[in-house]
């Protein structure tokens, strides 16, 4: 394989608004990605077997709203991103096939709370994550997937310069469009029971 042409452009915009207590932070991004892949018959790179032209368009945003609640602080967080992948495969003679369109949409809604705990503090978080693939090219349709993410942390000063922090949580990772619709040994095997990866993490820091 060779990649003679790769282009990546990204635009990111950040904004912040302070309402005299509540605070809102916004981030938005748009990304364009184009690439050309040429597959050769052998390592001499003289005879073309196939060609692939890809064009991706991604749009995303994140909003974080901080709310003071007495001695506590609440954060409401929303993330969203949708990516469209268009692909045209051509044979060795350069004859293009149909244009295939794929789309993946990721959404996450959650909240976090910082709470005083004696001389220390604790943080708790809960989020709902969702992945959907409304466009699947020439592949079978896939049902949407969702999962919960959790987090908790406790921070306790021990006197002097020492502080003990313990945290734990569960994070999710959904399969990418390439994992769902890519080819393995020239075949596509539908797996409707495929679930998101979930990793449990724990950390103790002094």
C-alpha atoms as a PDB file:
ATOM      1  CA  UNK A   1       0.000   0.000   0.000  1.00  0.00           C
ATOM      2  CA  UNK A   2       0.998   3.597  -0.588  1.00  0.00           C
ATOM      3  CA  UNK A   3      -0.671   6.822   0.534  1.00  0.00           C
ATOM      4  CA  UNK A   4       0.253   9.410  -2.087  1.00  0.00           C
ATOM      5  CA  UNK A   5      -2.269  11.990  -0.912  1.00  0.00           C
ATOM      6  CA  UNK A   6      -3.353  12.821   2.659  1.00  0.00           C
ATOM      7  CA  UNK A   7      -5.009  16.084   3.741  1.00  0.00           C
ATOM      8  CA  UNK A   8      -6.226  17.014   7.225  1.00  0.00           C
ATOM      9  CA  UNK A   9      -7.831  20.316   8.243  1.00  0.00           C
ATOM     10  CA  UNK A  10      -9.368  21.059  11.641  1.00  0.00           C
ATOM     11  CA  UNK A  11     -11.097  24.139  13.030  1.00  0.00           C
ATOM     12  CA  UNK A  12     -11.648  24.465  16.793  1.00  0.00           C
ATOM     13  CA  UNK A  13     -13.556  27.242  18.588  1.00  0.00           C
ATOM     14  CA  UNK A  14     -13.728  27.805  22.367  1.00  0.00           C
ATOM     15  CA  UNK A  15     -16.011  30.120  24.318  1.00  0.00           C
ATOM     16  CA  UNK A  16     -16.597  30.895  27.997  1.00  0.00           C
ATOM     17  CA  UNK A  17     -19.384  32.767  29.760  1.00  0.00           C
ATOM     18  CA  UNK A  18     -19.387  33.706  33.472  1.00  0.00           C
ATOM     19  CA  UNK A  19     -22.804  34.422  34.997  1.00  0.00           C
ATOM     20  CA  UNK A  20     -21.558  35.520  38.430  1.00  0.00           C
ATOM     21  CA  UNK A  21     -21.512  32.024  39.884  1.00  0.00           C
ATOM     22  CA  UNK A  22     -22.564  29.629  37.155  1.00  0.00           C
ATOM     23  CA  UNK A  23     -20.006  29.274  34.377  1.00  0.00           C
ATOM     24  CA  UNK A  24     -20.468  27.845  30.886  1.00  0.00           C
ATOM     25  CA  UNK A  25     -17.637  26.563  28.696  1.00  0.00           C
ATOM     26  CA  UNK A  26     -18.224  25.607  25.072  1.00  0.00           C
ATOM     27  CA  UNK A  27     -15.971  23.913  22.528  1.00  0.00           C
ATOM     28  CA  UNK A  28     -16.821  23.128  18.925  1.00  0.00           C
ATOM     29  CA  UNK A  29     -14.775  21.486  16.196  1.00  0.00           C
ATOM     30  CA  UNK A  30     -14.988  20.606  12.509  1.00  0.00           C
ATOM     31  CA  UNK A  31     -12.540  18.285  10.804  1.00  0.00           C
ATOM     32  CA  UNK A  32     -12.038  17.395   7.130  1.00  0.00           C
ATOM     33  CA  UNK A  33      -9.854  14.448   6.152  1.00  0.00           C
ATOM     34  CA  UNK A  34      -9.103  13.143   2.647  1.00  0.00           C
ATOM     35  CA  UNK A  35      -6.767  10.332   1.648  1.00  0.00           C
ATOM     36  CA  UNK A  36      -5.879   8.186  -1.326  1.00  0.00           C
ATOM     37  CA  UNK A  37      -4.715   4.580  -0.890  1.00  0.00           C
ATOM     38  CA  UNK A  38      -3.139   2.606  -3.715  1.00  0.00           C
ATOM     39  CA  UNK A  39      -2.694  -1.152  -3.364  1.00  0.00           C
ATOM     40  CA  UNK A  40       0.014  -2.802  -5.486  1.00  0.00           C
ATOM     41  CA  UNK A  41       0.355  -6.439  -6.503  1.00  0.00           C
ATOM     42  CA  UNK A  42       3.853  -6.849  -5.024  1.00  0.00           C
ATOM     43  CA  UNK A  43       6.708  -4.953  -3.389  1.00  0.00           C
ATOM     44  CA  UNK A  44       8.013  -3.644  -6.709  1.00  0.00           C
ATOM     45  CA  UNK A  45       5.126  -1.129  -6.599  1.00  0.00           C
ATOM     46  CA  UNK A  46       4.749  -1.204 -10.392  1.00  0.00           C
ATOM     47  CA  UNK A  47       1.401  -2.955 -10.896  1.00  0.00           C
ATOM     48  CA  UNK A  48      -1.721  -1.502  -9.270  1.00  0.00           C
ATOM     49  CA  UNK A  49      -4.279  -3.923  -7.847  1.00  0.00           C
ATOM     50  CA  UNK A  50      -6.839  -1.456  -6.448  1.00  0.00           C
ATOM     51  CA  UNK A  51      -7.328   2.110  -5.313  1.00  0.00           C
ATOM     52  CA  UNK A  52      -9.380   3.635  -2.509  1.00  0.00           C
ATOM     53  CA  UNK A  53     -10.415   7.298  -2.194  1.00  0.00           C
ATOM     54  CA  UNK A  54     -11.679   8.395   1.227  1.00  0.00           C
ATOM     55  CA  UNK A  55     -13.304  11.604   2.382  1.00  0.00           C
ATOM     56  CA  UNK A  56     -14.259  12.171   6.022  1.00  0.00           C
ATOM     57  CA  UNK A  57     -16.208  15.005   7.629  1.00  0.00           C
ATOM     58  CA  UNK A  58     -16.492  15.275  11.433  1.00  0.00           C
ATOM     59  CA  UNK A  59     -18.520  17.767  13.485  1.00  0.00           C
ATOM     60  CA  UNK A  60     -18.444  17.847  17.281  1.00  0.00           C
ATOM     61  CA  UNK A  61     -19.117  19.900  20.370  1.00  0.00           C
ATOM     62  CA  UNK A  62     -18.725  19.897  24.141  1.00  0.00           C
ATOM     63  CA  UNK A  63     -20.505  21.940  26.806  1.00  0.00           C
ATOM     64  CA  UNK A  64     -19.632  22.136  30.510  1.00  0.00           C
ATOM     65  CA  UNK A  65     -21.893  24.019  32.932  1.00  0.00           C
ATOM     66  CA  UNK A  66     -20.471  24.667  36.424  1.00  0.00           C
ATOM     67  CA  UNK A  67     -23.031  25.338  39.164  1.00  0.00           C
ATOM     68  CA  UNK A  68     -22.111  26.311  42.737  1.00  0.00           C
ATOM     69  CA  UNK A  69     -24.342  24.591  45.308  1.00  0.00           C
ATOM     70  CA  UNK A  70     -23.376  25.802  48.765  1.00  0.00           C
ATOM     71  CA  UNK A  71     -20.011  24.254  49.584  1.00  0.00           C
ATOM     72  CA  UNK A  72     -20.375  21.855  46.657  1.00  0.00           C
ATOM     73  CA  UNK A  73     -19.800  22.326  42.942  1.00  0.00           C
ATOM     74  CA  UNK A  74     -21.805  20.604  40.238  1.00  0.00           C
ATOM     75  CA  UNK A  75     -20.731  20.135  36.621  1.00  0.00           C
ATOM     76  CA  UNK A  76     -23.092  19.107  33.851  1.00  0.00           C
ATOM     77  CA  UNK A  77     -21.274  17.844  30.764  1.00  0.00           C
ATOM     78  CA  UNK A  78     -22.546  17.103  27.253  1.00  0.00           C
ATOM     79  CA  UNK A  79     -20.454  15.774  24.368  1.00  0.00           C
ATOM     80  CA  UNK A  80     -21.529  15.017  20.822  1.00  0.00           C
ATOM     81  CA  UNK A  81     -19.728  14.078  17.621  1.00  0.00           C
ATOM     82  CA  UNK A  82     -20.840  12.813  14.230  1.00  0.00           C
ATOM     83  CA  UNK A  83     -18.460  11.538  11.548  1.00  0.00           C
ATOM     84  CA  UNK A  84     -19.275  10.796   7.913  1.00  0.00           C
ATOM     85  CA  UNK A  85     -16.960   8.573   5.860  1.00  0.00           C
ATOM     86  CA  UNK A  86     -17.340   8.377   2.086  1.00  0.00           C
ATOM     87  CA  UNK A  87     -15.328   5.804   0.162  1.00  0.00           C
ATOM     88  CA  UNK A  88     -14.915   4.894  -3.512  1.00  0.00           C
ATOM     89  CA  UNK A  89     -12.986   1.743  -4.490  1.00  0.00           C
ATOM     90  CA  UNK A  90     -11.540   1.409  -7.996  1.00  0.00           C
ATOM     91  CA  UNK A  91     -10.219  -1.733  -9.669  1.00  0.00           C
ATOM     92  CA  UNK A  92      -6.844  -2.244 -11.375  1.00  0.00           C
ATOM     93  CA  UNK A  93      -8.142  -0.645 -14.581  1.00  0.00           C
ATOM     94  CA  UNK A  94      -9.166   2.488 -12.643  1.00  0.00           C
ATOM     95  CA  UNK A  95     -12.911   1.844 -12.959  1.00  0.00           C
ATOM     96  CA  UNK A  96     -14.568   3.303  -9.841  1.00  0.00           C
ATOM     97  CA  UNK A  97     -17.182   1.359  -7.921  1.00  0.00           C
ATOM     98  CA  UNK A  98     -20.164   2.821  -6.049  1.00  0.00           C
ATOM     99  CA  UNK A  99     -19.635   5.554  -3.468  1.00  0.00           C
ATOM    100  CA  UNK A 100     -20.224   4.062  -0.022  1.00  0.00           C
ATOM    101  CA  UNK A 101     -21.280   6.284   2.874  1.00  0.00           C
ATOM    102  CA  UNK A 102     -20.833   5.461   6.553  1.00  0.00           C
ATOM    103  CA  UNK A 103     -21.752   7.554   9.588  1.00  0.00           C
ATOM    104  CA  UNK A 104     -21.044   7.171  13.293  1.00  0.00           C
ATOM    105  CA  UNK A 105     -22.569   9.384  15.995  1.00  0.00           C
ATOM    106  CA  UNK A 106     -21.264   9.478  19.575  1.00  0.00           C
ATOM    107  CA  UNK A 107     -23.139  11.168  22.442  1.00  0.00           C
ATOM    108  CA  UNK A 108     -22.307  11.454  26.132  1.00  0.00           C
ATOM    109  CA  UNK A 109     -24.373  13.139  28.870  1.00  0.00           C
ATOM    110  CA  UNK A 110     -23.203  13.242  32.441  1.00  0.00           C
ATOM    111  CA  UNK A 111     -22.685  15.064  35.671  1.00  0.00           C
ATOM    112  CA  UNK A 112     -19.980  15.458  38.306  1.00  0.00           C
ATOM    113  CA  UNK A 113     -20.117  16.715  41.890  1.00  0.00           C
ATOM    114  CA  UNK A 114     -17.319  17.933  44.184  1.00  0.00           C
ATOM    115  CA  UNK A 115     -18.314  17.538  47.843  1.00  0.00           C
ATOM    116  CA  UNK A 116     -16.411  18.548  51.018  1.00  0.00           C
ATOM    117  CA  UNK A 117     -15.599  15.506  53.149  1.00  0.00           C
ATOM    118  CA  UNK A 118     -14.206  16.395  56.575  1.00  0.00           C
ATOM    119  CA  UNK A 119     -10.874  18.067  55.950  1.00  0.00           C
ATOM    120  CA  UNK A 120     -10.746  16.601  52.448  1.00  0.00           C
ATOM    121  CA  UNK A 121     -13.021  16.398  49.451  1.00  0.00           C
ATOM    122  CA  UNK A 122     -14.762  13.815  47.286  1.00  0.00           C
ATOM    123  CA  UNK A 123     -15.837  13.799  43.644  1.00  0.00           C
ATOM    124  CA  UNK A 124     -18.498  11.628  42.037  1.00  0.00           C
ATOM    125  CA  UNK A 125     -19.447  11.278  38.377  1.00  0.00           C
ATOM    126  CA  UNK A 126     -22.044   9.469  36.295  1.00  0.00           C
ATOM    127  CA  UNK A 127     -22.431   9.540  32.504  1.00  0.00           C
ATOM    128  CA  UNK A 128     -24.511   7.881  29.784  1.00  0.00           C
ATOM    129  CA  UNK A 129     -22.643   7.109  26.568  1.00  0.00           C
ATOM    130  CA  UNK A 130     -24.244   6.142  23.261  1.00  0.00           C
ATOM    131  CA  UNK A 131     -22.950   5.139  19.824  1.00  0.00           C
ATOM    132  CA  UNK A 132     -25.066   4.817  16.676  1.00  0.00           C
ATOM    133  CA  UNK A 133     -24.278   4.026  13.026  1.00  0.00           C
ATOM    134  CA  UNK A 134     -27.171   5.369  10.914  1.00  0.00           C
ATOM    135  CA  UNK A 135     -25.284   4.843   7.623  1.00  0.00           C
ATOM    136  CA  UNK A 136     -23.491   1.545   7.001  1.00  0.00           C
ATOM    137  CA  UNK A 137     -22.537   1.642   3.306  1.00  0.00           C
ATOM    138  CA  UNK A 138     -23.071  -1.784   1.745  1.00  0.00           C
ATOM    139  CA  UNK A 139     -22.804  -3.550   5.120  1.00  0.00           C
ATOM    140  CA  UNK A 140     -25.635  -4.817   7.357  1.00  0.00           C
ATOM    141  CA  UNK A 141     -27.292  -2.308   9.681  1.00  0.00           C
ATOM    142  CA  UNK A 142     -26.014  -2.130  13.251  1.00  0.00           C
ATOM    143  CA  UNK A 143     -28.141  -1.379  16.307  1.00  0.00           C
ATOM    144  CA  UNK A 144     -27.195   1.512  18.577  1.00  0.00           C
ATOM    145  CA  UNK A 145     -25.162   0.761  21.690  1.00  0.00           C
ATOM    146  CA  UNK A 146     -25.098   2.510  25.057  1.00  0.00           C
ATOM    147  CA  UNK A 147     -23.424   2.105  28.439  1.00  0.00           C
ATOM    148  CA  UNK A 148     -22.957   3.890  31.765  1.00  0.00           C
ATOM    149  CA  UNK A 149     -19.661   5.364  32.932  1.00  0.00           C
ATOM    150  CA  UNK A 150     -18.879   5.884  36.627  1.00  0.00           C
ATOM    151  CA  UNK A 151     -16.187   7.668  38.625  1.00  0.00           C
ATOM    152  CA  UNK A 152     -15.390   8.466  42.244  1.00  0.00           C
ATOM    153  CA  UNK A 153     -12.407  10.036  44.001  1.00  0.00           C
ATOM    154  CA  UNK A 154     -11.500  10.974  47.566  1.00  0.00           C
ATOM    155  CA  UNK A 155      -8.719  13.445  48.473  1.00  0.00           C
ATOM    156  CA  UNK A 156      -7.485  13.683  52.048  1.00  0.00           C
ATOM    157  CA  UNK A 157      -4.675  15.954  53.320  1.00  0.00           C
ATOM    158  CA  UNK A 158      -2.419  14.101  55.799  1.00  0.00           C
ATOM    159  CA  UNK A 159      -0.638  17.126  57.177  1.00  0.00           C
ATOM    160  CA  UNK A 160       2.415  18.952  55.952  1.00  0.00           C
ATOM    161  CA  UNK A 161       2.924  18.415  52.237  1.00  0.00           C
ATOM    162  CA  UNK A 162       1.283  14.960  52.140  1.00  0.00           C
ATOM    163  CA  UNK A 163      -2.081  14.304  50.525  1.00  0.00           C
ATOM    164  CA  UNK A 164      -3.676  10.900  49.876  1.00  0.00           C
ATOM    165  CA  UNK A 165      -5.945  10.539  46.842  1.00  0.00           C
ATOM    166  CA  UNK A 166      -7.861   7.397  45.875  1.00  0.00           C
ATOM    167  CA  UNK A 167      -9.993   7.124  42.740  1.00  0.00           C
ATOM    168  CA  UNK A 168     -11.881   4.477  40.787  1.00  0.00           C
ATOM    169  CA  UNK A 169     -14.108   4.414  37.748  1.00  0.00           C
ATOM    170  CA  UNK A 170     -15.442   2.652  34.686  1.00  0.00           C
ATOM    171  CA  UNK A 171     -14.950   3.943  31.141  1.00  0.00           C
ATOM    172  CA  UNK A 172     -16.436   2.841  27.839  1.00  0.00           C
ATOM    173  CA  UNK A 173     -14.965   2.537  24.360  1.00  0.00           C
ATOM    174  CA  UNK A 174     -17.276   1.835  21.460  1.00  0.00           C
ATOM    175  CA  UNK A 175     -16.041   0.021  18.338  1.00  0.00           C
ATOM    176  CA  UNK A 176     -14.972   2.402  15.587  1.00  0.00           C
ATOM    177  CA  UNK A 177     -16.559   2.347  12.149  1.00  0.00           C
ATOM    178  CA  UNK A 178     -13.429   0.636  10.790  1.00  0.00           C
ATOM    179  CA  UNK A 179     -13.757  -2.095  13.424  1.00  0.00           C
ATOM    180  CA  UNK A 180     -17.441  -2.563  12.628  1.00  0.00           C
ATOM    181  CA  UNK A 181     -17.282  -2.418   8.845  1.00  0.00           C
ATOM    182  CA  UNK A 182     -13.681  -3.177   7.909  1.00  0.00           C
ATOM    183  CA  UNK A 183     -12.727  -6.439   6.233  1.00  0.00           C
ATOM    184  CA  UNK A 184     -10.979  -9.416   7.794  1.00  0.00           C
ATOM    185  CA  UNK A 185      -9.529 -11.917   5.300  1.00  0.00           C
ATOM    186  CA  UNK A 186     -11.762 -10.459   2.615  1.00  0.00           C
ATOM    187  CA  UNK A 187     -14.940 -11.187   4.552  1.00  0.00           C
ATOM    188  CA  UNK A 188     -17.362  -9.186   6.684  1.00  0.00           C
ATOM    189  CA  UNK A 189     -18.883 -10.997   9.642  1.00  0.00           C
ATOM    190  CA  UNK A 190     -21.821  -9.218  11.271  1.00  0.00           C
ATOM    191  CA  UNK A 191     -21.688  -9.220  15.058  1.00  0.00           C
ATOM    192  CA  UNK A 192     -24.911  -7.656  16.381  1.00  0.00           C
ATOM    193  CA  UNK A 193     -24.064  -8.720  19.951  1.00  0.00           C
ATOM    194  CA  UNK A 194     -20.823  -6.707  19.958  1.00  0.00           C
ATOM    195  CA  UNK A 195     -20.748  -4.619  23.132  1.00  0.00           C
ATOM    196  CA  UNK A 196     -18.584  -1.601  24.030  1.00  0.00           C
ATOM    197  CA  UNK A 197     -15.324  -2.289  25.805  1.00  0.00           C
ATOM    198  CA  UNK A 198     -15.482  -1.380  29.477  1.00  0.00           C
ATOM    199  CA  UNK A 199     -12.389  -0.801  31.570  1.00  0.00           C
ATOM    200  CA  UNK A 200     -12.384  -0.557  35.343  1.00  0.00           C
ATOM    201  CA  UNK A 201      -9.620   1.658  36.691  1.00  0.00           C
ATOM    202  CA  UNK A 202      -8.294   2.368  40.161  1.00  0.00           C
ATOM    203  CA  UNK A 203      -5.559   4.640  41.458  1.00  0.00           C
ATOM    204  CA  UNK A 204      -4.016   5.506  44.820  1.00  0.00           C
ATOM    205  CA  UNK A 205      -1.672   8.478  44.962  1.00  0.00           C
ATOM    206  CA  UNK A 206       0.397   9.901  47.801  1.00  0.00           C
END
